[in-house]
Amino acid sequence: MADDCLLCRVAEADAFFHRRRVWEDDLWRLSVVLRAAADAIAERLR
């Protein structure tokens, strides 16, 4: 991991991009962005 790589410093990247980590395992992380052009977009699947 390089110290100059923001994405390698996960907690700092989450704060910088206004993300919240909602799930993770040994290989993957799933985050949602809390700030975007649209405040909320939801879709209902039937």
C-alpha atoms as a PDB file:
ATOM      1  CA  MET A   1       0.000   0.000   0.000  1.00  0.00           C
ATOM      2  CA  ALA A   2       1.362   3.369  -0.942  1.00  0.00           C
ATOM      3  CA  ASP A   3       0.912   6.192   1.534  1.00  0.00           C
ATOM      4  CA  ASP A   4       0.187   8.609  -1.308  1.00  0.00           C
ATOM      5  CA  CYS A   5      -2.746   6.507  -2.581  1.00  0.00           C
ATOM      6  CA  LEU A   6      -5.984   7.897  -1.123  1.00  0.00           C
ATOM      7  CA  LEU A   7      -8.019   4.859  -2.207  1.00  0.00           C
ATOM      8  CA  CYS A   8      -5.576   2.608  -0.346  1.00  0.00           C
ATOM      9  CA  ARG A   9      -6.408   4.455   2.893  1.00  0.00           C
ATOM     10  CA  VAL A  10     -10.012   3.290   3.030  1.00  0.00           C
ATOM     11  CA  ALA A  11     -11.285   5.257   6.038  1.00  0.00           C
ATOM     12  CA  GLU A  12      -9.788   8.503   4.718  1.00  0.00           C
ATOM     13  CA  ALA A  13     -11.201   7.860   1.231  1.00  0.00           C
ATOM     14  CA  ASP A  14     -14.667   7.231   2.709  1.00  0.00           C
ATOM     15  CA  ALA A  15     -14.534  10.585   4.501  1.00  0.00           C
ATOM     16  CA  PHE A  16     -13.124  12.436   1.475  1.00  0.00           C
ATOM     17  CA  PHE A  17     -15.777  11.094  -0.921  1.00  0.00           C
ATOM     18  CA  HIS A  18     -18.581  11.289   1.688  1.00  0.00           C
ATOM     19  CA  ARG A  19     -19.158   7.541   1.571  1.00  0.00           C
ATOM     20  CA  ARG A  20     -20.518   5.086   4.096  1.00  0.00           C
ATOM     21  CA  ARG A  21     -19.360   1.488   4.010  1.00  0.00           C
ATOM     22  CA  VAL A  22     -22.414  -0.759   4.162  1.00  0.00           C
ATOM     23  CA  TRP A  23     -20.840  -4.174   3.634  1.00  0.00           C
ATOM     24  CA  GLU A  24     -17.414  -5.776   3.404  1.00  0.00           C
ATOM     25  CA  ASP A  25     -15.663  -9.118   3.484  1.00  0.00           C
ATOM     26  CA  ASP A  26     -12.051 -10.211   3.002  1.00  0.00           C
ATOM     27  CA  LEU A  27     -12.024  -9.281  -0.698  1.00  0.00           C
ATOM     28  CA  TRP A  28     -14.705  -6.650  -1.338  1.00  0.00           C
ATOM     29  CA  ARG A  29     -16.201  -3.463   0.115  1.00  0.00           C
ATOM     30  CA  LEU A  30     -19.548  -1.903  -0.755  1.00  0.00           C
ATOM     31  CA  SER A  31     -19.984   1.799  -0.050  1.00  0.00           C
ATOM     32  CA  VAL A  32     -22.706   4.308  -0.757  1.00  0.00           C
ATOM     33  CA  VAL A  33     -22.040   7.942  -1.548  1.00  0.00           C
ATOM     34  CA  LEU A  34     -23.889  10.243   0.830  1.00  0.00           C
ATOM     35  CA  ARG A  35     -23.558  13.367  -1.349  1.00  0.00           C
ATOM     36  CA  ALA A  36     -24.485  13.399  -5.005  1.00  0.00           C
ATOM     37  CA  ALA A  37     -26.368  15.406  -7.604  1.00  0.00           C
ATOM     38  CA  ALA A  38     -29.616  13.758  -6.497  1.00  0.00           C
ATOM     39  CA  ASP A  39     -30.348  13.463  -2.786  1.00  0.00           C
ATOM     40  CA  ALA A  40     -32.120  10.155  -3.186  1.00  0.00           C
ATOM     41  CA  ILE A  41     -33.007   7.828  -5.982  1.00  0.00           C
ATOM     42  CA  ALA A  42     -34.936   4.663  -5.279  1.00  0.00           C
ATOM     43  CA  GLU A  43     -36.338   2.026  -7.548  1.00  0.00           C
ATOM     44  CA  ARG A  44     -38.855  -0.597  -6.629  1.00  0.00           C
ATOM     45  CA  LEU A  45     -38.416  -3.939  -8.354  1.00  0.00           C
ATOM     46  CA  ARG A  46     -41.400  -6.192  -8.825  1.00  0.00           C
END
